[in-house]
Every structure is written in C-alpha cells, then in structure tokens.
Protein backbone atom coordinates (compact mmCIF):
# COMPACT_ATOMS: atom_id res chain seq x y z
CA MET A 1 13.21 -20.92 9.85
CA THR A 2 15.03 -19.99 13.00
CA ARG A 3 13.82 -17.32 15.38
CA LYS A 4 16.56 -14.96 14.15
CA GLN A 5 15.62 -15.51 10.51
CA LEU A 6 11.98 -14.83 11.28
CA GLN A 7 12.85 -11.69 13.25
CA ASP A 8 15.08 -10.47 10.40
CA LYS A 9 12.27 -11.14 7.91
CA LEU A 10 9.82 -9.25 10.12
CA ASP A 11 12.19 -6.28 10.36
CA GLU A 12 12.59 -6.26 6.57
CA LEU A 13 8.83 -6.40 6.01
CA LYS A 14 8.23 -3.57 8.48
CA SER A 15 10.87 -1.46 6.76
CA ASP A 16 9.25 -2.09 3.37
CA TYR A 17 5.86 -1.21 4.85
CA VAL A 18 7.09 2.13 6.18
CA ARG A 19 8.78 2.95 2.87
CA ILE A 20 5.67 2.14 0.82
CA GLN A 21 3.47 4.07 3.27
CA GLY A 22 5.68 7.11 2.65
CA ASP A 23 5.40 6.59 -1.09
CA LEU A 24 1.63 6.34 -0.75
CA ASP A 25 1.49 9.60 1.18
CA LYS A 26 3.47 11.32 -1.57
CA LEU A 27 1.24 9.86 -4.28
CA GLU A 28 -1.87 11.04 -2.46
CA TYR A 29 -0.37 14.52 -2.13
CA VAL A 30 0.24 14.83 -5.87
CA ARG A 31 -3.00 13.01 -6.69
CA GLY A 32 -1.14 10.07 -8.19
CA ARG A 33 -2.39 6.52 -8.65
CA VAL A 34 -2.37 4.93 -5.20
CA SER A 35 -4.01 1.57 -5.89
CA SER A 36 -0.72 -0.24 -6.53
CA ALA A 37 0.82 1.06 -3.29
CA GLU A 38 -2.34 0.15 -1.37
CA GLU A 39 -2.21 -3.39 -2.77
CA GLN A 40 1.42 -3.69 -1.72
CA LEU A 41 0.56 -2.54 1.80
CA ILE A 42 -2.24 -5.10 2.05
CA ARG A 43 0.12 -7.85 0.87
CA LEU A 44 2.79 -6.78 3.36
CA GLU A 45 0.25 -6.73 6.20
CA GLY A 46 -0.55 -10.36 5.42
CA GLU A 47 3.11 -11.32 5.31
CA ILE A 48 3.82 -9.51 8.58
CA ALA A 49 0.90 -11.31 10.24
CA GLU A 50 2.15 -14.68 8.97
CA VAL A 51 5.70 -14.12 10.24
CA ARG A 52 4.30 -13.05 13.62
CA ARG A 53 2.19 -16.25 13.73
CA GLN A 54 5.32 -18.28 13.00
CA LEU A 55 7.22 -16.48 15.76
CA ASP A 56 4.38 -17.07 18.21
CA LYS A 57 4.23 -20.73 17.24
CA LEU A 58 7.99 -21.05 17.68
CA SER A 59 7.81 -19.36 21.10
CA THR A 60 4.96 -21.63 22.20
CA TYR A 61 6.84 -24.71 21.04
CA GLN A 62 10.00 -23.62 22.89
CA ASP A 63 8.00 -22.89 26.05
CA MET A 64 6.67 -26.46 25.97
CA SER A 65 10.17 -27.95 25.71
C-alpha cells in the first residue's frame, strides 16, 4: 500500500472507532448490551496499531533511501 492509502485507511479506522465509541456510550446509558461494541473497539485498536506500524515501516524505509 502507498503512504496515502495507509493514511486514508487510518483515517477511516479512526472515524469508525469514534462512531462505535459513541454507540457504546449510548448503550451504557440505556443499560444495553455493550460486549459487541467493546469487541469492535478492541478489533479496531488492533487494526489502527497495524496501519501505524506499516506507516512507520514505510517512513523508515524511505528515510534509508
């Protein structure tokens, strides 16, 4: 993936994270089932970390060139 594609993916994941966090807050308020939203947040955190690792790796590689 290119740097732009990775940055776009990161932006999308962050947006999804914020949206699901808001949903989770609403579910907690009405005492709804939050386990599914929590699982989604955990999954997104892993994906965000992976995209950031890829961006760091790409930056390191470009710095060496």
